[in-house]
Amino acid sequence: MLVYDGQCPFCANYARLVRLRGTVGHLQLVDAREAPAIMGEISHAGLDIDQGMVLKLNGKLYHGGDAMHRVALMSSRSGIFNRLNHWIFRSPTRARLLYPPLRAIRNLVIRGLGRKPIDNLGRR
């Protein structure tokens, strides 16, 4: 299950474009703004959905760059987007280094579009 902000154009497009290899099975895409059950689990784990998408895989939660890295390892190599995604995020180091600037851009765009953060941890 990949939990993302459905009001973020980058997150929504990423979730729509990423394709997993047939051996992985179906990845359920979940808009965090419409999923109170999984958001309770994510909040209980102390993960801020405004600071990164969450991948739930085999009962474990991966957040931000770690989630992107795991998705890249599972993704197919079909199409330019998926090849590029795999090449960039297959390295855990690259994923951890690149995710913060991508998240900062995402947060600026969300604010620029006048959308409120999800604030699942009640920090705002």
PDB file of N, CA and C in Angstrom:
ATOM      1  N   MET A   1       0.853  -1.168   0.000  1.00  0.00           N
ATOM      2  CA  MET A   1       0.000   0.000   0.000  1.00  0.00           C
ATOM      3  C   MET A   1       0.904   1.238   0.000  1.00  0.00           C
ATOM      4  N   LEU A   2       0.639   2.164  -0.915  1.00  0.00           N
ATOM      5  CA  LEU A   2       1.379   3.421  -0.975  1.00  0.00           C
ATOM      6  C   LEU A   2       0.422   4.542  -0.585  1.00  0.00           C
ATOM      7  N   VAL A   3       0.753   5.232   0.509  1.00  0.00           N
ATOM      8  CA  VAL A   3      -0.091   6.302   1.035  1.00  0.00           C
ATOM      9  C   VAL A   3       0.567   7.632   0.673  1.00  0.00           C
ATOM     10  N   TYR A   4      -0.165   8.491   0.011  1.00  0.00           N
ATOM     11  CA  TYR A   4       0.369   9.761  -0.487  1.00  0.00           C
ATOM     12  C   TYR A   4      -0.685  10.845  -0.345  1.00  0.00           C
ATOM     13  N   ASP A   5      -0.274  12.088  -0.548  1.00  0.00           N
ATOM     14  CA  ASP A   5      -1.200  13.218  -0.492  1.00  0.00           C
ATOM     15  C   ASP A   5      -1.850  13.384  -1.857  1.00  0.00           C
ATOM     16  N   GLY A   6      -3.123  13.056  -1.950  1.00  0.00           N
ATOM     17  CA  GLY A   6      -3.845  13.148  -3.212  1.00  0.00           C
ATOM     18  C   GLY A   6      -4.021  14.562  -3.738  1.00  0.00           C
ATOM     19  N   GLN A   7      -3.814  15.581  -2.885  1.00  0.00           N
ATOM     20  CA  GLN A   7      -3.923  16.967  -3.345  1.00  0.00           C
ATOM     21  C   GLN A   7      -2.584  17.534  -3.808  1.00  0.00           C
ATOM     22  N   CYS A   8      -1.541  16.745  -3.690  1.00  0.00           N
ATOM     23  CA  CYS A   8      -0.228  17.163  -4.182  1.00  0.00           C
ATOM     24  C   CYS A   8      -0.084  16.674  -5.620  1.00  0.00           C
ATOM     25  N   PRO A   9       0.087  17.579  -6.579  1.00  0.00           N
ATOM     26  CA  PRO A   9       0.183  17.137  -7.965  1.00  0.00           C
ATOM     27  C   PRO A   9       1.370  16.210  -8.218  1.00  0.00           C
ATOM     28  N   PHE A  10       2.492  16.433  -7.539  1.00  0.00           N
ATOM     29  CA  PHE A  10       3.660  15.572  -7.720  1.00  0.00           C
ATOM     30  C   PHE A  10       3.391  14.172  -7.176  1.00  0.00           C
ATOM     31  N   CYS A  11       2.849  14.109  -5.960  1.00  0.00           N
ATOM     32  CA  CYS A  11       2.563  12.822  -5.310  1.00  0.00           C
ATOM     33  C   CYS A  11       1.545  12.024  -6.109  1.00  0.00           C
ATOM     34  N   ALA A  12       0.476  12.695  -6.526  1.00  0.00           N
ATOM     35  CA  ALA A  12      -0.591  12.021  -7.269  1.00  0.00           C
ATOM     36  C   ALA A  12      -0.069  11.493  -8.604  1.00  0.00           C
ATOM     37  N   ASN A  13       0.728  12.288  -9.300  1.00  0.00           N
ATOM     38  CA  ASN A  13       1.276  11.838 -10.583  1.00  0.00           C
ATOM     39  C   ASN A  13       2.269  10.706 -10.392  1.00  0.00           C
ATOM     40  N   TYR A  14       3.094  10.786  -9.352  1.00  0.00           N
ATOM     41  CA  TYR A  14       4.041   9.706  -9.075  1.00  0.00           C
ATOM     42  C   TYR A  14       3.276   8.404  -8.835  1.00  0.00           C
ATOM     43  N   ALA A  15       2.269   8.460  -7.978  1.00  0.00           N
ATOM     44  CA  ALA A  15       1.484   7.268  -7.658  1.00  0.00           C
ATOM     45  C   ALA A  15       0.803   6.708  -8.908  1.00  0.00           C
ATOM     46  N   ARG A  16       0.366   7.582  -9.786  1.00  0.00           N
ATOM     47  CA  ARG A  16      -0.321   7.154 -11.012  1.00  0.00           C
ATOM     48  C   ARG A  16       0.652   6.553 -12.023  1.00  0.00           C
ATOM     49  N   LEU A  17       1.879   7.091 -12.090  1.00  0.00           N
ATOM     50  CA  LEU A  17       2.824   6.681 -13.124  1.00  0.00           C
ATOM     51  C   LEU A  17       3.676   5.473 -12.764  1.00  0.00           C
ATOM     52  N   VAL A  18       3.944   5.257 -11.480  1.00  0.00           N
ATOM     53  CA  VAL A  18       4.834   4.163 -11.110  1.00  0.00           C
ATOM     54  C   VAL A  18       4.170   2.829 -11.421  1.00  0.00           C
ATOM     55  N   ARG A  19       4.911   1.947 -12.031  1.00  0.00           N
ATOM     56  CA  ARG A  19       4.408   0.625 -12.402  1.00  0.00           C
ATOM     57  C   ARG A  19       5.290  -0.423 -11.736  1.00  0.00           C
ATOM     58  N   LEU A  20       4.661  -1.378 -11.099  1.00  0.00           N
ATOM     59  CA  LEU A  20       5.410  -2.435 -10.441  1.00  0.00           C
ATOM     60  C   LEU A  20       5.519  -3.651 -11.340  1.00  0.00           C
ATOM     61  N   ARG A  21       6.596  -4.390 -11.136  1.00  0.00           N
ATOM     62  CA  ARG A  21       6.774  -5.634 -11.886  1.00  0.00           C
ATOM     63  C   ARG A  21       5.632  -6.583 -11.553  1.00  0.00           C
ATOM     64  N   GLY A  22       5.276  -7.426 -12.498  1.00  0.00           N
ATOM     65  CA  GLY A  22       4.183  -8.378 -12.308  1.00  0.00           C
ATOM     66  C   GLY A  22       4.394  -9.314 -11.135  1.00  0.00           C
ATOM     67  N   THR A  23       5.632  -9.603 -10.798  1.00  0.00           N
ATOM     68  CA  THR A  23       5.916 -10.525  -9.694  1.00  0.00           C
ATOM     69  C   THR A  23       5.604  -9.915  -8.335  1.00  0.00           C
ATOM     70  N   VAL A  24       5.518  -8.606  -8.269  1.00  0.00           N
ATOM     71  CA  VAL A  24       5.274  -7.923  -6.993  1.00  0.00           C
ATOM     72  C   VAL A  24       3.796  -7.961  -6.632  1.00  0.00           C
ATOM     73  N   GLY A  25       2.952  -7.933  -7.625  1.00  0.00           N
ATOM     74  CA  GLY A  25       1.519  -7.897  -7.357  1.00  0.00           C
ATOM     75  C   GLY A  25       0.985  -6.475  -7.425  1.00  0.00           C
ATOM     76  N   HIS A  26      -0.226  -6.318  -6.982  1.00  0.00           N
ATOM     77  CA  HIS A  26      -0.923  -5.032  -7.046  1.00  0.00           C
ATOM     78  C   HIS A  26      -0.515  -4.143  -5.873  1.00  0.00           C
ATOM     79  N   LEU A  27      -0.157  -2.902  -6.160  1.00  0.00           N
ATOM     80  CA  LEU A  27       0.142  -1.929  -5.120  1.00  0.00           C
ATOM     81  C   LEU A  27      -1.091  -1.048  -4.952  1.00  0.00           C
ATOM     82  N   GLN A  28      -1.680  -1.101  -3.781  1.00  0.00           N
ATOM     83  CA  GLN A  28      -2.852  -0.280  -3.496  1.00  0.00           C
ATOM     84  C   GLN A  28      -2.395   1.163  -3.274  1.00  0.00           C
ATOM     85  N   LEU A  29      -2.991   2.095  -4.005  1.00  0.00           N
ATOM     86  CA  LEU A  29      -2.686   3.518  -3.871  1.00  0.00           C
ATOM     87  C   LEU A  29      -3.751   4.151  -2.992  1.00  0.00           C
ATOM     88  N   VAL A  30      -3.322   4.847  -1.940  1.00  0.00           N
ATOM     89  CA  VAL A  30      -4.258   5.391  -0.963  1.00  0.00           C
ATOM     90  C   VAL A  30      -3.993   6.877  -0.760  1.00  0.00           C
ATOM     91  N   ASP A  31      -5.016   7.683  -0.976  1.00  0.00           N
ATOM     92  CA  ASP A  31      -4.938   9.118  -0.704  1.00  0.00           C
ATOM     93  C   ASP A  31      -5.049   9.312   0.805  1.00  0.00           C
ATOM     94  N   ALA A  32      -4.012   9.862   1.419  1.00  0.00           N
ATOM     95  CA  ALA A  32      -3.976  10.042   2.872  1.00  0.00           C
ATOM     96  C   ALA A  32      -5.130  10.901   3.376  1.00  0.00           C
ATOM     97  N   ARG A  33      -5.629  11.786   2.540  1.00  0.00           N
ATOM     98  CA  ARG A  33      -6.719  12.676   2.960  1.00  0.00           C
ATOM     99  C   ARG A  33      -8.060  11.938   3.031  1.00  0.00           C
ATOM    100  N   GLU A  34      -8.110  10.723   2.489  1.00  0.00           N
ATOM    101  CA  GLU A  34      -9.365   9.969   2.454  1.00  0.00           C
ATOM    102  C   GLU A  34      -9.254   8.611   3.132  1.00  0.00           C
ATOM    103  N   ALA A  35      -8.232   8.413   3.978  1.00  0.00           N
ATOM    104  CA  ALA A  35      -7.991   7.088   4.547  1.00  0.00           C
ATOM    105  C   ALA A  35      -7.713   7.152   6.043  1.00  0.00           C
ATOM    106  N   PRO A  36      -8.747   7.377   6.849  1.00  0.00           N
ATOM    107  CA  PRO A  36      -8.513   7.521   8.290  1.00  0.00           C
ATOM    108  C   PRO A  36      -7.928   6.283   8.966  1.00  0.00           C
ATOM    109  N   ALA A  37      -8.241   5.087   8.483  1.00  0.00           N
ATOM    110  CA  ALA A  37      -7.745   3.871   9.140  1.00  0.00           C
ATOM    111  C   ALA A  37      -6.220   3.767   9.038  1.00  0.00           C
ATOM    112  N   ILE A  38      -5.688   3.848   7.840  1.00  0.00           N
ATOM    113  CA  ILE A  38      -4.236   3.728   7.677  1.00  0.00           C
ATOM    114  C   ILE A  38      -3.532   4.957   8.252  1.00  0.00           C
ATOM    115  N   MET A  39      -4.173   6.113   8.207  1.00  0.00           N
ATOM    116  CA  MET A  39      -3.547   7.305   8.774  1.00  0.00           C
ATOM    117  C   MET A  39      -3.396   7.183  10.289  1.00  0.00           C
ATOM    118  N   GLY A  40      -4.312   6.483  10.952  1.00  0.00           N
ATOM    119  CA  GLY A  40      -4.155   6.233  12.378  1.00  0.00           C
ATOM    120  C   GLY A  40      -2.899   5.426  12.653  1.00  0.00           C
ATOM    121  N   GLU A  41      -2.675   4.413  11.835  1.00  0.00           N
ATOM    122  CA  GLU A  41      -1.475   3.579  11.979  1.00  0.00           C
ATOM    123  C   GLU A  41      -0.207   4.383  11.702  1.00  0.00           C
ATOM    124  N   ILE A  42      -0.243   5.206  10.677  1.00  0.00           N
ATOM    125  CA  ILE A  42       0.913   6.030  10.320  1.00  0.00           C
ATOM    126  C   ILE A  42       1.201   7.040  11.428  1.00  0.00           C
ATOM    127  N   SER A  43       0.163   7.679  11.938  1.00  0.00           N
ATOM    128  CA  SER A  43       0.336   8.655  13.026  1.00  0.00           C
ATOM    129  C   SER A  43       0.859   7.970  14.276  1.00  0.00           C
ATOM    130  N   HIS A  44       0.326   6.807  14.602  1.00  0.00           N
ATOM    131  CA  HIS A  44       0.771   6.054  15.777  1.00  0.00           C
ATOM    132  C   HIS A  44       2.266   5.707  15.675  1.00  0.00           C
ATOM    133  N   ALA A  45       2.741   5.487  14.457  1.00  0.00           N
ATOM    134  CA  ALA A  45       4.157   5.190  14.229  1.00  0.00           C
ATOM    135  C   ALA A  45       5.013   6.455  14.272  1.00  0.00           C
ATOM    136  N   GLY A  46       4.360   7.639  14.388  1.00  0.00           N
ATOM    137  CA  GLY A  46       5.098   8.901  14.462  1.00  0.00           C
ATOM    138  C   GLY A  46       5.593   9.410  13.128  1.00  0.00           C
ATOM    139  N   LEU A  47       4.983   8.950  12.029  1.00  0.00           N
ATOM    140  CA  LEU A  47       5.399   9.365  10.691  1.00  0.00           C
ATOM    141  C   LEU A  47       4.526  10.521  10.214  1.00  0.00           C
ATOM    142  N   ASP A  48       5.167  11.586   9.781  1.00  0.00           N
ATOM    143  CA  ASP A  48       4.472  12.783   9.302  1.00  0.00           C
ATOM    144  C   ASP A  48       4.248  12.660   7.801  1.00  0.00           C
ATOM    145  N   ILE A  49       3.017  12.467   7.393  1.00  0.00           N
ATOM    146  CA  ILE A  49       2.696  12.271   5.977  1.00  0.00           C
ATOM    147  C   ILE A  49       2.997  13.535   5.163  1.00  0.00           C
ATOM    148  N   ASP A  50       3.010  14.701   5.807  1.00  0.00           N
ATOM    149  CA  ASP A  50       3.371  15.934   5.101  1.00  0.00           C
ATOM    150  C   ASP A  50       4.867  15.984   4.787  1.00  0.00           C
ATOM    151  N   GLN A  51       5.634  15.130   5.429  1.00  0.00           N
ATOM    152  CA  GLN A  51       7.077  15.102   5.206  1.00  0.00           C
ATOM    153  C   GLN A  51       7.510  13.909   4.352  1.00  0.00           C
ATOM    154  N   GLY A  52       6.544  13.111   3.911  1.00  0.00           N
ATOM    155  CA  GLY A  52       6.897  12.015   3.026  1.00  0.00           C
ATOM    156  C   GLY A  52       5.791  10.995   2.886  1.00  0.00           C
ATOM    157  N   MET A  53       5.721  10.407   1.701  1.00  0.00           N
ATOM    158  CA  MET A  53       4.754   9.337   1.479  1.00  0.00           C
ATOM    159  C   MET A  53       5.158   8.115   2.299  1.00  0.00           C
ATOM    160  N   VAL A  54       4.220   7.195   2.463  1.00  0.00           N
ATOM    161  CA  VAL A  54       4.469   6.004   3.272  1.00  0.00           C
ATOM    162  C   VAL A  54       4.119   4.763   2.449  1.00  0.00           C
ATOM    163  N   LEU A  55       5.025   3.823   2.470  1.00  0.00           N
ATOM    164  CA  LEU A  55       4.791   2.525   1.848  1.00  0.00           C
ATOM    165  C   LEU A  55       4.613   1.503   2.960  1.00  0.00           C
ATOM    166  N   LYS A  56       3.505   0.786   2.922  1.00  0.00           N
ATOM    167  CA  LYS A  56       3.298  -0.320   3.859  1.00  0.00           C
ATOM    168  C   LYS A  56       3.504  -1.597   3.072  1.00  0.00           C
ATOM    169  N   LEU A  57       4.517  -2.343   3.485  1.00  0.00           N
ATOM    170  CA  LEU A  57       4.904  -3.542   2.762  1.00  0.00           C
ATOM    171  C   LEU A  57       5.206  -4.640   3.770  1.00  0.00           C
ATOM    172  N   ASN A  58       4.495  -5.738   3.657  1.00  0.00           N
ATOM    173  CA  ASN A  58       4.686  -6.876   4.573  1.00  0.00           C
ATOM    174  C   ASN A  58       4.595  -6.453   6.035  1.00  0.00           C
ATOM    175  N   GLY A  59       3.650  -5.553   6.332  1.00  0.00           N
ATOM    176  CA  GLY A  59       3.413  -5.124   7.705  1.00  0.00           C
ATOM    177  C   GLY A  59       4.366  -4.064   8.216  1.00  0.00           C
ATOM    178  N   LYS A  60       5.328  -3.650   7.416  1.00  0.00           N
ATOM    179  CA  LYS A  60       6.307  -2.636   7.835  1.00  0.00           C
ATOM    180  C   LYS A  60       6.044  -1.322   7.098  1.00  0.00           C
ATOM    181  N   LEU A  61       6.241  -0.199   7.797  1.00  0.00           N
ATOM    182  CA  LEU A  61       6.047   1.123   7.202  1.00  0.00           C
ATOM    183  C   LEU A  61       7.396   1.726   6.805  1.00  0.00           C
ATOM    184  N   TYR A  62       7.469   2.214   5.568  1.00  0.00           N
ATOM    185  CA  TYR A  62       8.641   2.918   5.052  1.00  0.00           C
ATOM    186  C   TYR A  62       8.198   4.332   4.730  1.00  0.00           C
ATOM    187  N   HIS A  63       9.012   5.309   5.090  1.00  0.00           N
ATOM    188  CA  HIS A  63       8.625   6.720   4.993  1.00  0.00           C
ATOM    189  C   HIS A  63       9.606   7.492   4.121  1.00  0.00           C
ATOM    190  N   GLY A  64       9.089   8.444   3.346  1.00  0.00           N
ATOM    191  CA  GLY A  64       9.923   9.373   2.592  1.00  0.00           C
ATOM    192  C   GLY A  64      10.854   8.677   1.615  1.00  0.00           C
ATOM    193  N   GLY A  65      12.150   8.990   1.726  1.00  0.00           N
ATOM    194  CA  GLY A  65      13.158   8.431   0.830  1.00  0.00           C
ATOM    195  C   GLY A  65      13.229   6.920   0.901  1.00  0.00           C
ATOM    196  N   ASP A  66      13.021   6.356   2.093  1.00  0.00           N
ATOM    197  CA  ASP A  66      13.017   4.893   2.222  1.00  0.00           C
ATOM    198  C   ASP A  66      11.863   4.280   1.437  1.00  0.00           C
ATOM    199  N   ALA A  67      10.708   4.945   1.443  1.00  0.00           N
ATOM    200  CA  ALA A  67       9.562   4.464   0.670  1.00  0.00           C
ATOM    201  C   ALA A  67       9.861   4.537  -0.823  1.00  0.00           C
ATOM    202  N   MET A  68      10.433   5.656  -1.259  1.00  0.00           N
ATOM    203  CA  MET A  68      10.769   5.825  -2.681  1.00  0.00           C
ATOM    204  C   MET A  68      11.783   4.760  -3.111  1.00  0.00           C
ATOM    205  N   HIS A  69      12.764   4.487  -2.261  1.00  0.00           N
ATOM    206  CA  HIS A  69      13.771   3.471  -2.564  1.00  0.00           C
ATOM    207  C   HIS A  69      13.113   2.096  -2.741  1.00  0.00           C
ATOM    208  N   ARG A  70      12.242   1.710  -1.823  1.00  0.00           N
ATOM    209  CA  ARG A  70      11.565   0.409  -1.904  1.00  0.00           C
ATOM    210  C   ARG A  70      10.695   0.316  -3.147  1.00  0.00           C
ATOM    211  N   VAL A  71       9.961   1.377  -3.447  1.00  0.00           N
ATOM    212  CA  VAL A  71       9.104   1.370  -4.638  1.00  0.00           C
ATOM    213  C   VAL A  71       9.970   1.242  -5.897  1.00  0.00           C
ATOM    214  N   ALA A  72      11.101   1.941  -5.928  1.00  0.00           N
ATOM    215  CA  ALA A  72      11.994   1.863  -7.093  1.00  0.00           C
ATOM    216  C   ALA A  72      12.506   0.442  -7.302  1.00  0.00           C
ATOM    217  N   LEU A  73      12.817  -0.247  -6.217  1.00  0.00           N
ATOM    218  CA  LEU A  73      13.303  -1.621  -6.338  1.00  0.00           C
ATOM    219  C   LEU A  73      12.225  -2.562  -6.860  1.00  0.00           C
ATOM    220  N   MET A  74      10.970  -2.262  -6.558  1.00  0.00           N
ATOM    221  CA  MET A  74       9.853  -3.110  -6.979  1.00  0.00           C
ATOM    222  C   MET A  74       9.298  -2.725  -8.345  1.00  0.00           C
ATOM    223  N   SER A  75       9.667  -1.540  -8.840  1.00  0.00           N
ATOM    224  CA  SER A  75       9.023  -1.038 -10.060  1.00  0.00           C
ATOM    225  C   SER A  75       9.566  -1.717 -11.308  1.00  0.00           C
ATOM    226  N   SER A  76       8.732  -1.698 -12.331  1.00  0.00           N
ATOM    227  CA  SER A  76       9.134  -2.246 -13.624  1.00  0.00           C
ATOM    228  C   SER A  76      10.085  -1.244 -14.279  1.00  0.00           C
ATOM    229  N   ARG A  77      10.707  -1.655 -15.327  1.00  0.00           N
ATOM    230  CA  ARG A  77      11.598  -0.750 -16.063  1.00  0.00           C
ATOM    231  C   ARG A  77      10.944  -0.321 -17.366  1.00  0.00           C
ATOM    232  N   SER A  78       9.623  -0.479 -17.452  1.00  0.00           N
ATOM    233  CA  SER A  78       8.926  -0.113 -18.682  1.00  0.00           C
ATOM    234  C   SER A  78       8.612   1.375 -18.674  1.00  0.00           C
ATOM    235  N   GLY A  79       8.921   2.017 -19.740  1.00  0.00           N
ATOM    236  CA  GLY A  79       8.650   3.444 -19.877  1.00  0.00           C
ATOM    237  C   GLY A  79       9.767   4.301 -19.302  1.00  0.00           C
ATOM    238  N   ILE A  80       9.864   5.500 -19.795  1.00  0.00           N
ATOM    239  CA  ILE A  80      10.927   6.425 -19.383  1.00  0.00           C
ATOM    240  C   ILE A  80      10.821   6.762 -17.905  1.00  0.00           C
ATOM    241  N   PHE A  81       9.618   7.065 -17.428  1.00  0.00           N
ATOM    242  CA  PHE A  81       9.445   7.450 -16.030  1.00  0.00           C
ATOM    243  C   PHE A  81       9.935   6.348 -15.101  1.00  0.00           C
ATOM    244  N   ASN A  82       9.529   5.108 -15.358  1.00  0.00           N
ATOM    245  CA  ASN A  82       9.898   4.008 -14.471  1.00  0.00           C
ATOM    246  C   ASN A  82      11.389   3.675 -14.538  1.00  0.00           C
ATOM    247  N   ARG A  83      11.986   3.785 -15.703  1.00  0.00           N
ATOM    248  CA  ARG A  83      13.447   3.574 -15.807  1.00  0.00           C
ATOM    249  C   ARG A  83      14.188   4.652 -15.034  1.00  0.00           C
ATOM    250  N   LEU A  84      13.771   5.896 -15.193  1.00  0.00           N
ATOM    251  CA  LEU A  84      14.405   7.003 -14.480  1.00  0.00           C
ATOM    252  C   LEU A  84      14.193   6.876 -12.975  1.00  0.00           C
ATOM    253  N   ASN A  85      12.984   6.553 -12.553  1.00  0.00           N
ATOM    254  CA  ASN A  85      12.680   6.361 -11.138  1.00  0.00           C
ATOM    255  C   ASN A  85      13.564   5.264 -10.545  1.00  0.00           C
ATOM    256  N   HIS A  86      13.686   4.158 -11.260  1.00  0.00           N
ATOM    257  CA  HIS A  86      14.513   3.057 -10.779  1.00  0.00           C
ATOM    258  C   HIS A  86      15.978   3.479 -10.681  1.00  0.00           C
ATOM    259  N   TRP A  87      16.478   4.126 -11.715  1.00  0.00           N
ATOM    260  CA  TRP A  87      17.879   4.530 -11.725  1.00  0.00           C
ATOM    261  C   TRP A  87      18.193   5.497 -10.584  1.00  0.00           C
ATOM    262  N   ILE A  88      17.326   6.478 -10.355  1.00  0.00           N
ATOM    263  CA  ILE A  88      17.580   7.487  -9.318  1.00  0.00           C
ATOM    264  C   ILE A  88      17.429   6.909  -7.920  1.00  0.00           C
ATOM    265  N   PHE A  89      16.334   6.207  -7.668  1.00  0.00           N
ATOM    266  CA  PHE A  89      15.992   5.826  -6.294  1.00  0.00           C
ATOM    267  C   PHE A  89      16.384   4.403  -5.906  1.00  0.00           C
ATOM    268  N   ARG A  90      17.044   3.657  -6.800  1.00  0.00           N
ATOM    269  CA  ARG A  90      17.468   2.303  -6.411  1.00  0.00           C
ATOM    270  C   ARG A  90      18.575   2.344  -5.370  1.00  0.00           C
ATOM    271  N   SER A  91      19.280   3.445  -5.294  1.00  0.00           N
ATOM    272  CA  SER A  91      20.326   3.622  -4.282  1.00  0.00           C
ATOM    273  C   SER A  91      19.695   4.228  -3.025  1.00  0.00           C
ATOM    274  N   PRO A  92      19.800   3.558  -1.876  1.00  0.00           N
ATOM    275  CA  PRO A  92      19.225   4.130  -0.653  1.00  0.00           C
ATOM    276  C   PRO A  92      19.873   5.465  -0.283  1.00  0.00           C
ATOM    277  N   THR A  93      21.145   5.606  -0.565  1.00  0.00           N
ATOM    278  CA  THR A  93      21.841   6.867  -0.265  1.00  0.00           C
ATOM    279  C   THR A  93      21.297   7.989  -1.136  1.00  0.00           C
ATOM    280  N   ARG A  94      21.174   7.713  -2.439  1.00  0.00           N
ATOM    281  CA  ARG A  94      20.634   8.727  -3.356  1.00  0.00           C
ATOM    282  C   ARG A  94      19.209   9.087  -2.972  1.00  0.00           C
ATOM    283  N   ALA A  95      18.414   8.102  -2.598  1.00  0.00           N
ATOM    284  CA  ALA A  95      17.024   8.357  -2.211  1.00  0.00           C
ATOM    285  C   ALA A  95      16.973   9.256  -0.977  1.00  0.00           C
ATOM    286  N   ARG A  96      17.805   8.973   0.022  1.00  0.00           N
ATOM    287  CA  ARG A  96      17.816   9.802   1.244  1.00  0.00           C
ATOM    288  C   ARG A  96      18.319  11.214   0.962  1.00  0.00           C
ATOM    289  N   LEU A  97      19.265  11.366   0.029  1.00  0.00           N
ATOM    290  CA  LEU A  97      19.793  12.697  -0.285  1.00  0.00           C
ATOM    291  C   LEU A  97      18.836  13.519  -1.150  1.00  0.00           C
ATOM    292  N   LEU A  98      18.163  12.874  -2.077  1.00  0.00           N
ATOM    293  CA  LEU A  98      17.294  13.599  -3.006  1.00  0.00           C
ATOM    294  C   LEU A  98      15.900  13.860  -2.461  1.00  0.00           C
ATOM    295  N   TYR A  99      15.438  13.031  -1.539  1.00  0.00           N
ATOM    296  CA  TYR A  99      14.069  13.184  -1.067  1.00  0.00           C
ATOM    297  C   TYR A  99      13.809  14.520  -0.364  1.00  0.00           C
ATOM    298  N   PRO A 100      14.689  15.015   0.517  1.00  0.00           N
ATOM    299  CA  PRO A 100      14.408  16.302   1.186  1.00  0.00           C
ATOM    300  C   PRO A 100      14.185  17.479   0.228  1.00  0.00           C
ATOM    301  N   PRO A 101      15.022  17.659  -0.818  1.00  0.00           N
ATOM    302  CA  PRO A 101      14.705  18.772  -1.729  1.00  0.00           C
ATOM    303  C   PRO A 101      13.400  18.564  -2.491  1.00  0.00           C
ATOM    304  N   LEU A 102      13.105  17.326  -2.857  1.00  0.00           N
ATOM    305  CA  LEU A 102      11.830  17.048  -3.530  1.00  0.00           C
ATOM    306  C   LEU A 102      10.657  17.354  -2.602  1.00  0.00           C
ATOM    307  N   ARG A 103      10.800  16.986  -1.333  1.00  0.00           N
ATOM    308  CA  ARG A 103       9.757  17.261  -0.335  1.00  0.00           C
ATOM    309  C   ARG A 103       9.589  18.769  -0.149  1.00  0.00           C
ATOM    310  N   ALA A 104      10.687  19.517  -0.128  1.00  0.00           N
ATOM    311  CA  ALA A 104      10.609  20.972   0.035  1.00  0.00           C
ATOM    312  C   ALA A 104       9.848  21.605  -1.131  1.00  0.00           C
ATOM    313  N   ILE A 105      10.130  21.143  -2.344  1.00  0.00           N
ATOM    314  CA  ILE A 105       9.409  21.645  -3.519  1.00  0.00           C
ATOM    315  C   ILE A 105       7.932  21.300  -3.405  1.00  0.00           C
ATOM    316  N   ARG A 106       7.632  20.070  -2.992  1.00  0.00           N
ATOM    317  CA  ARG A 106       6.246  19.640  -2.800  1.00  0.00           C
ATOM    318  C   ARG A 106       5.533  20.537  -1.803  1.00  0.00           C
ATOM    319  N   ASN A 107       6.180  20.828  -0.688  1.00  0.00           N
ATOM    320  CA  ASN A 107       5.558  21.657   0.340  1.00  0.00           C
ATOM    321  C   ASN A 107       5.324  23.083  -0.150  1.00  0.00           C
ATOM    322  N   LEU A 108       6.248  23.631  -0.942  1.00  0.00           N
ATOM    323  CA  LEU A 108       6.054  24.967  -1.526  1.00  0.00           C
ATOM    324  C   LEU A 108       4.871  24.977  -2.492  1.00  0.00           C
ATOM    325  N   VAL A 109       4.777  23.939  -3.308  1.00  0.00           N
ATOM    326  CA  VAL A 109       3.675  23.859  -4.277  1.00  0.00           C
ATOM    327  C   VAL A 109       2.336  23.736  -3.548  1.00  0.00           C
ATOM    328  N   ILE A 110       2.281  22.897  -2.518  1.00  0.00           N
ATOM    329  CA  ILE A 110       1.040  22.737  -1.741  1.00  0.00           C
ATOM    330  C   ILE A 110       0.603  24.084  -1.171  1.00  0.00           C
ATOM    331  N   ARG A 111       1.543  24.808  -0.571  1.00  0.00           N
ATOM    332  CA  ARG A 111       1.219  26.136  -0.024  1.00  0.00           C
ATOM    333  C   ARG A 111       0.804  27.094  -1.134  1.00  0.00           C
ATOM    334  N   GLY A 112       1.547  27.071  -2.242  1.00  0.00           N
ATOM    335  CA  GLY A 112       1.240  27.946  -3.369  1.00  0.00           C
ATOM    336  C   GLY A 112      -0.131  27.700  -3.954  1.00  0.00           C
ATOM    337  N   LEU A 113      -0.582  26.463  -3.911  1.00  0.00           N
ATOM    338  CA  LEU A 113      -1.913  26.116  -4.415  1.00  0.00           C
ATOM    339  C   LEU A 113      -3.007  26.395  -3.387  1.00  0.00           C
ATOM    340  N   GLY A 114      -2.601  26.844  -2.187  1.00  0.00           N
ATOM    341  CA  GLY A 114      -3.571  27.165  -1.142  1.00  0.00           C
ATOM    342  C   GLY A 114      -4.158  25.938  -0.453  1.00  0.00           C
ATOM    343  N   ARG A 115      -3.466  24.825  -0.528  1.00  0.00           N
ATOM    344  CA  ARG A 115      -3.952  23.601   0.108  1.00  0.00           C
ATOM    345  C   ARG A 115      -3.349  23.459   1.495  1.00  0.00           C
ATOM    346  N   LYS A 116      -4.141  22.989   2.392  1.00  0.00           N
ATOM    347  CA  LYS A 116      -3.691  22.833   3.773  1.00  0.00           C
ATOM    348  C   LYS A 116      -2.905  21.535   3.920  1.00  0.00           C
ATOM    349  N   PRO A 117      -1.907  21.548   4.826  1.00  0.00           N
ATOM    350  CA  PRO A 117      -1.204  20.293   5.107  1.00  0.00           C
ATOM    351  C   PRO A 117      -2.162  19.292   5.751  1.00  0.00           C
ATOM    352  N   ILE A 118      -1.815  18.036   5.698  1.00  0.00           N
ATOM    353  CA  ILE A 118      -2.640  16.994   6.311  1.00  0.00           C
ATOM    354  C   ILE A 118      -2.518  17.066   7.827  1.00  0.00           C
ATOM    355  N   ASP A 119      -1.326  17.323   8.326  1.00  0.00           N
ATOM    356  CA  ASP A 119      -1.062  17.521   9.748  1.00  0.00           C
ATOM    357  C   ASP A 119      -1.549  16.346  10.607  1.00  0.00           C
ATOM    358  N   ASN A 120      -1.171  15.149  10.200  1.00  0.00           N
ATOM    359  CA  ASN A 120      -1.637  13.961  10.930  1.00  0.00           C
ATOM    360  C   ASN A 120      -1.038  13.836  12.335  1.00  0.00           C
ATOM    361  N   LEU A 121       0.039  14.546  12.619  1.00  0.00           N
ATOM    362  CA  LEU A 121       0.636  14.483  13.949  1.00  0.00           C
ATOM    363  C   LEU A 121       0.228  15.655  14.830  1.00  0.00           C
ATOM    364  N   GLY A 122      -0.605  16.552  14.298  1.00  0.00           N
ATOM    365  CA  GLY A 122      -1.112  17.684  15.081  1.00  0.00           C
ATOM    366  C   GLY A 122      -0.041  18.671  15.501  1.00  0.00           C
ATOM    367  N   ARG A 123       0.907  18.919  14.626  1.00  0.00           N
ATOM    368  CA  ARG A 123       2.030  19.821  14.953  1.00  0.00           C
ATOM    369  C   ARG A 123       1.779  21.259  14.530  1.00  0.00           C
ATOM    370  N   ARG A 124       0.759  21.500  13.753  1.00  0.00           N
ATOM    371  CA  ARG A 124       0.558  22.871  13.240  1.00  0.00           C
ATOM    372  C   ARG A 124      -0.519  23.567  13.981  1.00  0.00           C
TER     373      ARG A 124
END
